Amino acid sequence: MSQLPEIVREFDRVSAEVVAKAATYQAAILADVAGRRGTMNARIAPVHHGMAVAGPAFTVEVRPGDNLMIHAAIALAKPGDVLVIDGKGDQTAALMGTLMLSACKKQGLAGVIVDGAIRDKLELMELGFPVFSAGFNPAGPTKFVPGRLNHPVSAGGAIVNPGDLVVGDADGVVVIERAKAPAMLALADKKVADERARMDAISRGDTASKWLPAALRAAGVLKEGESL
């Protein structure tokens, strides 16, 4: 049996049409329709709350504090890709800073998500490029430990396969399996319409949640026939 190479150069990506549509939704909407699965831990947050990203995942696995494979990823990723870096949550050294992230922007990448630390926060806020990370540290990384590109990774507690749909905004990051993404977008359309209708009802003064009494009875908080 042949071994999968450490660097996988070709893989199927979620389509550009799906990415464009997904970018119109909040990450929260997609997380809801995906069954509240695929969201990264809240430690993965945007450098600035106004940053948003959507695109196919280009996955990177590194050893804590070493960014050799991230440099390789920048060289190989295609425009529109989102680098999703499994840095093991380590925050003792920054894996990326302004120089590398400027290169990502110049390459046309859609954004970068790092389960690890980065640095140069103030400069990154001015760069105009979506970056999400687990924190910041001024210490630089090493560049000599091998890793893997475009293998399944765990980032922020979520499993990410190369080509999966990745969407992030002020609330955090959600990952949707490539094959399921088109169906999730159809559900997202309905979710948005339902929430808009509910918001209209609230604006008219209807603040009661019609599902609440039944849910309270099912939980044993209200007796049968009892109401709030």
Protein backbone atom coordinates (compact mmCIF):
# COMPACT_ATOMS: atom_id res chain seq x y z
CA MET A 1 0.00 0.00 0.00
CA SER A 2 1.46 3.36 -1.03
CA GLN A 3 1.74 5.99 1.68
CA LEU A 4 -0.02 9.32 1.22
CA PRO A 5 2.66 11.97 0.64
CA GLU A 6 3.25 14.58 3.32
CA ILE A 7 2.38 17.30 0.79
CA VAL A 8 -0.87 16.78 -1.13
CA ARG A 9 -0.95 19.26 -4.01
CA GLU A 10 -4.26 18.47 -5.68
CA PHE A 11 -7.64 18.02 -4.00
CA ASP A 12 -11.29 18.83 -4.66
CA ARG A 13 -12.41 22.21 -3.41
CA VAL A 14 -15.88 23.49 -2.59
CA SER A 15 -17.06 25.40 -5.66
CA ALA A 16 -16.60 29.14 -6.15
CA GLU A 17 -20.38 29.50 -6.47
CA VAL A 18 -20.95 27.87 -3.10
CA VAL A 19 -18.25 30.04 -1.52
CA ALA A 20 -19.81 33.23 -2.92
CA LYS A 21 -23.23 32.27 -1.58
CA ALA A 22 -21.86 31.18 1.79
CA ALA A 23 -20.13 34.54 2.21
CA THR A 24 -23.55 36.21 2.38
CA TYR A 25 -24.49 34.35 5.58
CA GLN A 26 -23.44 34.79 9.17
CA ALA A 27 -21.32 31.95 10.52
CA ALA A 28 -24.07 31.50 13.13
CA ILE A 29 -26.69 30.76 10.46
CA LEU A 30 -24.49 28.11 8.87
CA ALA A 31 -23.65 26.60 12.25
CA ASP A 32 -27.35 26.28 13.08
CA VAL A 33 -28.32 24.56 9.83
CA ALA A 34 -25.30 22.26 10.12
CA GLY A 35 -26.69 20.90 13.38
CA ARG A 36 -24.44 23.06 15.57
CA ARG A 37 -21.48 21.04 14.38
CA GLY A 38 -18.19 22.15 12.89
CA THR A 39 -17.67 25.30 14.92
CA MET A 40 -14.20 26.06 16.19
CA ASN A 41 -13.48 26.78 19.84
CA ALA A 42 -14.04 30.41 20.82
CA ARG A 43 -10.28 30.83 21.23
CA ILE A 44 -10.14 31.14 17.43
CA ALA A 45 -11.11 34.78 16.94
CA PRO A 46 -10.60 37.46 14.28
CA VAL A 47 -7.83 40.01 14.78
CA HIS A 48 -10.53 42.66 14.26
CA HIS A 49 -14.26 42.12 14.72
CA GLY A 50 -14.97 43.43 11.21
CA MET A 51 -12.98 40.67 9.51
CA ALA A 52 -14.86 37.95 7.62
CA VAL A 53 -13.70 35.04 5.48
CA ALA A 54 -15.19 32.34 3.25
CA GLY A 55 -13.42 29.81 1.06
CA PRO A 56 -12.12 26.27 0.64
CA ALA A 57 -9.76 24.99 3.30
CA PHE A 58 -6.08 24.50 2.49
CA THR A 59 -5.00 22.56 5.57
CA VAL A 60 -1.63 22.82 7.27
CA GLU A 61 -0.28 20.77 10.15
CA VAL A 62 2.77 22.09 12.01
CA ARG A 63 4.62 21.24 15.17
CA PRO A 64 4.08 23.81 17.94
CA GLY A 65 6.15 26.93 17.36
CA ASP A 66 7.47 25.93 13.91
CA ASN A 67 6.16 27.51 10.69
CA LEU A 68 8.22 25.75 7.99
CA MET A 69 5.13 24.14 6.43
CA ILE A 70 3.20 27.41 6.47
CA HIS A 71 5.79 28.88 4.13
CA ALA A 72 5.29 25.86 1.86
CA ALA A 73 1.52 26.33 2.04
CA ILE A 74 1.75 29.96 0.96
CA ALA A 75 3.79 28.86 -2.05
CA LEU A 76 1.27 26.17 -3.06
CA ALA A 77 -2.16 27.58 -2.12
CA LYS A 78 -4.40 28.96 -4.85
CA PRO A 79 -6.23 32.30 -4.91
CA GLY A 80 -9.39 32.09 -2.83
CA ASP A 81 -8.04 29.38 -0.50
CA VAL A 82 -8.23 29.75 3.27
CA LEU A 83 -5.16 28.49 5.10
CA VAL A 84 -6.36 26.47 8.10
CA ILE A 85 -3.36 25.86 10.33
CA ASP A 86 -3.33 23.24 13.06
CA GLY A 87 -0.78 24.79 15.41
CA LYS A 88 -1.89 22.57 18.32
CA GLY A 89 -3.26 25.62 20.12
CA ASP A 90 0.27 26.60 21.14
CA GLN A 91 0.69 30.23 22.16
CA THR A 92 4.33 30.25 23.23
CA ALA A 93 5.53 31.57 19.86
CA ALA A 94 3.91 33.31 16.90
CA LEU A 95 3.53 31.22 13.75
CA MET A 96 2.86 34.19 11.46
CA GLY A 97 3.17 37.96 11.35
CA THR A 98 2.86 40.89 8.96
CA LEU A 99 5.40 39.64 6.41
CA MET A 100 3.84 36.21 5.86
CA LEU A 101 0.29 37.50 5.98
CA SER A 102 1.11 40.25 3.51
CA ALA A 103 2.39 37.52 1.20
CA CYS A 104 -0.91 35.66 1.66
CA LYS A 105 -2.84 38.78 0.69
CA LYS A 106 -0.63 39.34 -2.34
CA GLN A 107 -1.19 35.71 -3.42
CA GLY A 108 -4.95 36.32 -3.40
CA LEU A 109 -5.75 33.98 -0.55
CA ALA A 110 -9.14 34.53 1.09
CA GLY A 111 -7.81 34.45 4.64
CA VAL A 112 -5.88 32.59 7.31
CA ILE A 113 -7.07 30.70 10.39
CA VAL A 114 -4.41 29.70 12.91
CA ASP A 115 -4.97 27.45 15.92
CA GLY A 116 -1.93 29.02 17.51
CA ALA A 117 -0.42 32.43 18.13
CA ILE A 118 0.44 35.17 15.65
CA ARG A 119 2.01 38.61 16.10
CA ASP A 120 2.05 42.20 14.78
CA LYS A 121 -1.57 42.78 15.80
CA LEU A 122 -1.73 46.51 15.10
CA GLU A 123 -0.20 46.14 11.65
CA LEU A 124 -2.55 43.26 10.85
CA MET A 125 -5.54 45.43 11.74
CA GLU A 126 -4.40 47.82 9.02
CA LEU A 127 -3.52 45.14 6.46
CA GLY A 128 -7.11 44.58 5.37
CA PHE A 129 -6.74 40.79 5.25
CA PRO A 130 -8.89 38.35 7.27
CA VAL A 131 -6.86 36.64 9.99
CA PHE A 132 -8.19 34.51 12.84
CA SER A 133 -5.98 33.12 15.61
CA ALA A 134 -5.89 31.67 19.11
CA GLY A 135 -3.87 34.58 20.46
CA PHE A 136 -0.72 36.69 20.14
CA ASN A 137 2.89 36.35 21.18
CA PRO A 138 5.90 38.49 20.18
CA ALA A 139 8.28 35.51 20.03
CA GLY A 140 9.13 34.26 16.56
CA PRO A 141 8.95 30.63 15.35
CA THR A 142 11.52 28.11 14.21
CA LYS A 143 11.62 26.88 10.62
CA PHE A 144 12.97 23.33 10.51
CA VAL A 145 10.38 20.82 11.71
CA PRO A 146 8.48 18.86 9.03
CA GLY A 147 4.69 18.88 8.89
CA ARG A 148 1.92 18.07 6.42
CA LEU A 149 -0.18 19.90 3.84
CA ASN A 150 -3.73 19.01 2.86
CA HIS A 151 -4.29 16.17 5.26
CA PRO A 152 -7.23 16.18 7.69
CA VAL A 153 -6.45 18.45 10.65
CA SER A 154 -8.04 19.51 13.92
CA ALA A 155 -8.27 23.27 14.35
CA GLY A 156 -10.07 24.79 17.29
CA GLY A 157 -11.51 21.35 18.02
CA ALA A 158 -13.13 21.05 14.58
CA ILE A 159 -12.13 18.47 12.00
CA VAL A 160 -11.14 20.16 8.74
CA ASN A 161 -10.52 18.34 5.48
CA PRO A 162 -8.86 20.01 2.52
CA GLY A 163 -11.51 21.59 0.28
CA ASP A 164 -14.12 21.94 3.04
CA LEU A 165 -16.10 25.18 3.24
CA VAL A 166 -14.76 27.54 5.90
CA VAL A 167 -16.70 30.64 6.98
CA GLY A 168 -15.63 33.04 9.72
CA ASP A 169 -16.82 36.36 11.11
CA ALA A 170 -17.02 38.24 14.41
CA ASP A 171 -18.69 35.25 16.08
CA GLY A 172 -15.98 32.76 15.10
CA VAL A 173 -15.42 30.04 12.52
CA VAL A 174 -17.61 27.23 11.18
CA VAL A 175 -16.47 24.38 8.92
CA ILE A 176 -18.88 22.53 6.63
CA GLU A 177 -17.93 19.36 4.78
CA ARG A 178 -17.42 19.99 1.09
CA ALA A 179 -20.01 17.47 -0.08
CA LYS A 180 -22.67 18.82 2.30
CA ALA A 181 -22.11 22.53 1.64
CA PRO A 182 -24.64 23.01 -1.20
CA ALA A 183 -27.44 21.41 0.82
CA MET A 184 -26.56 23.53 3.85
CA LEU A 185 -26.92 26.71 1.80
CA ALA A 186 -30.47 25.77 0.83
CA LEU A 187 -31.28 25.29 4.52
CA ALA A 188 -29.59 28.60 5.30
CA ASP A 189 -31.95 30.40 2.92
CA LYS A 190 -34.93 29.07 4.86
CA LYS A 191 -33.29 29.87 8.21
CA VAL A 192 -32.73 33.49 7.19
CA ALA A 193 -36.34 33.82 5.98
CA ASP A 194 -37.67 32.33 9.24
CA GLU A 195 -35.55 34.65 11.37
CA ARG A 196 -36.62 37.67 9.31
CA ALA A 197 -40.27 36.73 9.87
CA ARG A 198 -39.65 36.33 13.59
CA MET A 199 -37.92 39.71 13.76
CA ASP A 200 -40.90 41.31 12.01
CA ALA A 201 -43.21 39.74 14.59
CA ILE A 202 -41.05 41.04 17.45
CA SER A 203 -41.13 44.55 15.97
CA ARG A 204 -44.94 44.33 16.08
CA GLY A 205 -44.82 43.48 19.78
CA ASP A 206 -45.12 39.68 19.53
CA THR A 207 -42.23 38.72 21.80
CA ALA A 208 -43.65 35.40 23.02
CA SER A 209 -41.86 32.24 21.90
CA LYS A 210 -44.61 29.88 20.76
CA TRP A 211 -42.43 26.80 21.27
CA LEU A 212 -41.50 27.65 24.87
CA PRO A 213 -44.48 26.19 26.85
CA ALA A 214 -44.17 22.80 25.14
CA ALA A 215 -40.41 22.76 25.71
CA LEU A 216 -40.87 23.59 29.40
CA ARG A 217 -43.41 20.79 29.76
CA ALA A 218 -41.08 18.34 28.04
CA ALA A 219 -38.33 19.36 30.47
CA GLY A 220 -40.66 18.85 33.44
CA VAL A 221 -40.66 22.50 34.44
CA LEU A 222 -44.38 22.92 33.69
CA LYS A 223 -47.09 20.35 34.39
CA GLU A 224 -49.46 19.26 31.63
CA GLY A 225 -52.05 21.98 31.13
CA GLU A 226 -49.97 24.51 33.06
CA SER A 227 -48.73 27.64 31.34
CA LEU A 228 -46.39 30.51 32.15
